[in-house]
Amino acid sequence: MKQSRINFFVVMSGVFLGLILNGCISVQNSPTPRFYLLGGTDADQGSKKLDITPGVLIGVGPVKVPEYQERPQIVTRDKNHMLKFAQFDRWAETLDLGFTRLIGEGLAVKLPEAKFTLYPWNSNLAVKYQVVVEIVQLDSQLDKDLFLVAQWLVIDVQNSKTIIIKRSEFRQAIIPQDYSGLVKTLNTVSSALSSQIAQALSMLETNPQAKEKVLTP
């Protein structure tokens, strides 16, 4: 009976030791997660500045992204058009907040005389225009390109009236063909989208006739 107990403890000790060793090996061999953040590019600093009424307050957001992109993992497609979720390449913030911040930064560069606030803002702020963006489609293949479709509008907040409705499409090669290249490409595309929005906002303030009609594609 005593020998059986000794054998039992020996066996169980071996099992626990094996589990511990396997756990240690697993932790040591697991890749370290990489976190990415959308951010402006140096090229933005040299972009053409647009005229607008000094001090006009513009609210940016909300920005909506496709449901399949609402997750921490970076989402891409493979050659069979199946979604791929990167387990170790992730966003450091939710993509909708990242786009809101990035578009706001792009607008601030292109319209330096305006003031900006990001959604949600204090209701006491005298926001004149609100920019609302819906990313209708955001697909990318690391070995190919990125395709983004955005539906965006500008609201005259004081009169509660939508005065601009636009749709923008961008297709851009991903260089380098990895996740860092994908983030860089998203920055470039977001800058181009900000440029289109900035041009529309500038037109509203510099062309009085533009205020009298809804601007469509």
Protein backbone atom coordinates (compact mmCIF):
# COMPACT_ATOMS: atom_id res chain seq x y z
CA MET A 1 0.00 0.00 0.00
CA LYS A 2 2.86 2.33 0.96
CA GLN A 3 4.73 1.56 -2.27
CA SER A 4 1.57 2.34 -4.30
CA ARG A 5 1.33 5.77 -2.72
CA ILE A 6 4.97 6.47 -3.48
CA ASN A 7 4.47 5.43 -7.10
CA PHE A 8 1.35 7.62 -7.33
CA PHE A 9 3.20 10.71 -6.04
CA VAL A 10 6.12 10.04 -8.35
CA VAL A 11 3.79 9.83 -11.36
CA MET A 12 1.84 12.96 -10.38
CA SER A 13 5.03 14.91 -9.74
CA GLY A 14 6.22 13.99 -13.20
CA VAL A 15 2.92 15.16 -14.71
CA PHE A 16 3.03 18.51 -12.90
CA LEU A 17 6.67 19.02 -13.81
CA GLY A 18 5.85 18.32 -17.44
CA LEU A 19 3.01 20.85 -17.40
CA ILE A 20 5.24 23.50 -15.84
CA LEU A 21 8.00 22.90 -18.35
CA ASN A 22 5.59 22.98 -21.26
CA GLY A 23 4.09 26.19 -19.96
CA CYS A 24 7.48 27.83 -19.66
CA ILE A 25 8.49 26.73 -23.13
CA SER A 26 5.19 27.97 -24.54
CA VAL A 27 5.57 31.40 -22.96
CA GLN A 28 9.17 31.76 -24.10
CA ASN A 29 8.33 30.81 -27.69
CA SER A 30 5.18 32.96 -28.00
CA PRO A 31 5.70 36.00 -30.27
CA THR A 32 5.52 39.39 -28.57
CA PRO A 33 2.40 41.30 -29.70
CA ARG A 34 3.07 44.40 -31.81
CA PHE A 35 0.81 47.43 -31.42
CA TYR A 36 0.26 50.02 -34.15
CA LEU A 37 -1.07 53.56 -34.02
CA LEU A 38 -2.34 55.65 -36.90
CA GLY A 39 -0.37 58.87 -37.23
CA GLY A 40 0.35 61.75 -39.59
CA THR A 41 3.13 61.61 -42.18
CA ASP A 42 5.91 64.14 -42.75
CA ALA A 43 4.45 64.88 -46.19
CA ASP A 44 1.39 66.43 -44.52
CA GLN A 45 3.52 69.28 -43.21
CA GLY A 46 4.32 70.40 -46.75
CA SER A 47 0.79 70.16 -48.10
CA LYS A 48 -0.98 73.21 -49.49
CA LYS A 49 -2.76 75.31 -46.89
CA LEU A 50 -6.35 76.33 -47.64
CA ASP A 51 -8.19 79.52 -46.72
CA ILE A 52 -10.99 79.52 -44.18
CA THR A 53 -12.53 82.02 -41.78
CA PRO A 54 -10.04 82.44 -38.91
CA GLY A 55 -11.25 80.88 -35.67
CA VAL A 56 -14.16 78.94 -37.17
CA LEU A 57 -14.78 75.88 -34.97
CA ILE A 58 -15.15 72.52 -36.73
CA GLY A 59 -16.19 69.31 -35.01
CA VAL A 60 -14.73 66.08 -36.37
CA GLY A 61 -16.66 62.85 -35.88
CA PRO A 62 -18.08 60.47 -35.27
CA VAL A 63 -16.22 58.20 -37.67
CA LYS A 64 -17.77 54.77 -38.19
CA VAL A 65 -15.82 51.77 -39.45
CA PRO A 66 -17.12 48.44 -40.84
CA GLU A 67 -18.16 45.99 -38.15
CA TYR A 68 -15.54 43.45 -39.21
CA GLN A 69 -12.87 46.05 -38.44
CA GLU A 70 -14.14 46.71 -34.91
CA ARG A 71 -11.59 44.54 -33.14
CA PRO A 72 -8.05 44.90 -31.76
CA GLN A 73 -6.49 42.60 -34.38
CA ILE A 74 -5.50 44.12 -37.72
CA VAL A 75 -7.88 42.65 -40.30
CA THR A 76 -6.81 41.84 -43.87
CA ARG A 77 -7.95 39.55 -46.69
CA ASP A 78 -6.07 36.69 -48.31
CA LYS A 79 -6.01 35.80 -52.01
CA ASN A 80 -9.21 33.76 -51.51
CA HIS A 81 -10.97 36.84 -50.09
CA MET A 82 -11.15 35.29 -46.64
CA LEU A 83 -10.66 37.56 -43.62
CA LYS A 84 -7.44 37.17 -41.64
CA PHE A 85 -7.14 38.37 -38.04
CA ALA A 86 -3.55 39.06 -37.00
CA GLN A 87 -3.08 37.64 -33.51
CA PHE A 88 0.19 39.45 -32.84
CA ASP A 89 -0.29 42.65 -34.90
CA ARG A 90 -2.92 44.79 -33.22
CA TRP A 91 -4.25 48.33 -32.98
CA ALA A 92 -3.24 50.32 -29.92
CA GLU A 93 -6.65 52.05 -29.99
CA THR A 94 -10.00 51.35 -31.59
CA LEU A 95 -9.93 52.07 -35.31
CA ASP A 96 -12.86 54.51 -35.20
CA LEU A 97 -11.06 56.69 -32.65
CA GLY A 98 -7.84 56.40 -34.62
CA PHE A 99 -9.50 57.62 -37.81
CA THR A 100 -11.24 60.46 -35.96
CA ARG A 101 -7.95 61.69 -34.53
CA LEU A 102 -6.07 61.24 -37.82
CA ILE A 103 -8.67 63.08 -39.92
CA GLY A 104 -8.73 65.86 -37.34
CA GLU A 105 -4.94 66.15 -37.52
CA GLY A 106 -5.06 66.24 -41.33
CA LEU A 107 -7.69 68.97 -41.35
CA ALA A 108 -5.73 71.04 -38.84
CA VAL A 109 -2.67 70.92 -41.12
CA LYS A 110 -4.60 71.93 -44.23
CA LEU A 111 -6.81 74.53 -42.50
CA PRO A 112 -4.43 76.10 -39.96
CA GLU A 113 -6.65 79.13 -39.33
CA ALA A 114 -9.59 76.98 -38.15
CA LYS A 115 -10.09 75.42 -34.75
CA PHE A 116 -11.06 71.78 -34.24
CA THR A 117 -12.65 69.57 -31.63
CA LEU A 118 -13.10 65.81 -31.75
CA TYR A 119 -16.33 63.92 -31.16
CA PRO A 120 -17.83 63.82 -28.60
CA TRP A 121 -17.40 67.47 -27.60
CA ASN A 122 -18.93 69.73 -24.97
CA SER A 123 -22.38 70.89 -26.06
CA ASN A 124 -21.47 74.43 -24.93
CA LEU A 125 -18.89 74.74 -27.71
CA ALA A 126 -19.99 76.91 -30.63
CA VAL A 127 -19.26 74.32 -33.34
CA LYS A 128 -20.16 75.71 -36.77
CA TYR A 129 -19.54 72.65 -38.95
CA GLN A 130 -19.58 68.97 -38.08
CA VAL A 131 -17.76 66.42 -40.23
CA VAL A 132 -19.26 62.92 -40.06
CA VAL A 133 -17.51 60.02 -41.80
CA GLU A 134 -18.57 56.43 -42.44
CA ILE A 135 -15.89 54.08 -43.74
CA VAL A 136 -18.13 51.94 -45.93
CA GLN A 137 -15.38 49.55 -47.00
CA LEU A 138 -11.85 48.95 -45.77
CA ASP A 139 -10.14 45.95 -47.37
CA SER A 140 -6.47 45.22 -47.81
CA GLN A 141 -4.17 42.46 -49.03
CA LEU A 142 -0.64 42.77 -47.70
CA ASP A 143 0.87 41.55 -50.97
CA LYS A 144 -1.31 43.83 -53.07
CA ASP A 145 -3.15 47.01 -52.08
CA LEU A 146 -5.59 48.77 -49.78
CA PHE A 147 -9.06 49.83 -50.85
CA LEU A 148 -11.06 52.34 -48.81
CA VAL A 149 -14.50 53.78 -49.51
CA ALA A 150 -15.75 56.63 -47.33
CA GLN A 151 -19.14 58.33 -47.26
CA TRP A 152 -18.85 61.71 -45.55
CA LEU A 153 -20.96 64.75 -44.91
CA VAL A 154 -20.72 68.22 -43.44
CA ILE A 155 -23.47 69.51 -41.17
CA ASP A 156 -24.27 73.16 -40.51
CA VAL A 157 -24.69 72.68 -36.76
CA GLN A 158 -26.37 76.00 -36.03
CA ASN A 159 -29.09 75.33 -38.61
CA SER A 160 -29.15 71.52 -38.15
CA LYS A 161 -28.78 71.09 -41.90
CA THR A 162 -26.62 68.75 -43.98
CA ILE A 163 -24.91 70.91 -46.57
CA ILE A 164 -22.37 68.54 -48.13
CA ILE A 165 -22.67 64.84 -48.99
CA LYS A 166 -19.70 63.15 -50.64
CA ARG A 167 -18.31 59.70 -51.40
CA SER A 168 -14.58 59.13 -51.73
CA GLU A 169 -12.71 56.04 -52.97
CA PHE A 170 -9.01 55.28 -52.63
CA ARG A 171 -6.87 52.40 -53.84
CA GLN A 172 -3.24 52.42 -52.78
CA ALA A 173 -0.42 49.89 -53.05
CA ILE A 174 0.89 48.64 -49.69
CA ILE A 175 4.63 49.33 -49.43
CA PRO A 176 6.33 47.59 -47.73
CA GLN A 177 4.09 44.54 -47.96
CA ASP A 178 3.66 44.00 -44.24
CA TYR A 179 1.61 45.38 -41.35
CA SER A 180 3.83 48.43 -40.91
CA GLY A 181 3.32 49.14 -44.61
CA LEU A 182 -0.42 48.76 -44.18
CA VAL A 183 -0.44 51.35 -41.39
CA LYS A 184 1.67 53.70 -43.51
CA THR A 185 -0.75 53.28 -46.41
CA LEU A 186 -3.74 54.00 -44.16
CA ASN A 187 -2.02 57.20 -43.07
CA THR A 188 -1.54 58.24 -46.71
CA VAL A 189 -5.14 57.45 -47.66
CA SER A 190 -6.50 59.25 -44.58
CA SER A 191 -4.44 62.29 -45.52
CA ALA A 192 -5.99 62.27 -49.00
CA LEU A 193 -9.47 62.01 -47.47
CA SER A 194 -8.71 64.90 -45.12
CA SER A 195 -7.59 66.95 -48.11
CA GLN A 196 -10.91 66.43 -49.89
CA ILE A 197 -12.86 67.37 -46.76
CA ALA A 198 -10.67 70.43 -46.19
CA GLN A 199 -11.27 71.65 -49.74
CA ALA A 200 -15.03 71.36 -49.24
CA LEU A 201 -14.90 73.24 -45.93
CA SER A 202 -12.74 75.96 -47.47
CA MET A 203 -15.23 76.36 -50.30
CA LEU A 204 -18.07 76.84 -47.83
CA GLU A 205 -16.30 79.76 -46.20
CA THR A 206 -14.81 81.38 -49.30
CA ASN A 207 -17.67 80.83 -51.79
CA PRO A 208 -20.99 82.21 -50.46
CA GLN A 209 -22.97 80.46 -53.22
CA ALA A 210 -21.77 77.08 -51.95
CA LYS A 211 -23.73 77.62 -48.77
CA GLU A 212 -26.99 77.82 -50.65
CA LYS A 213 -26.93 74.28 -52.00
CA VAL A 214 -26.01 70.77 -51.02
CA LEU A 215 -22.73 69.72 -52.67
CA THR A 216 -22.94 66.15 -53.99
CA PRO A 217 -20.48 64.00 -55.97
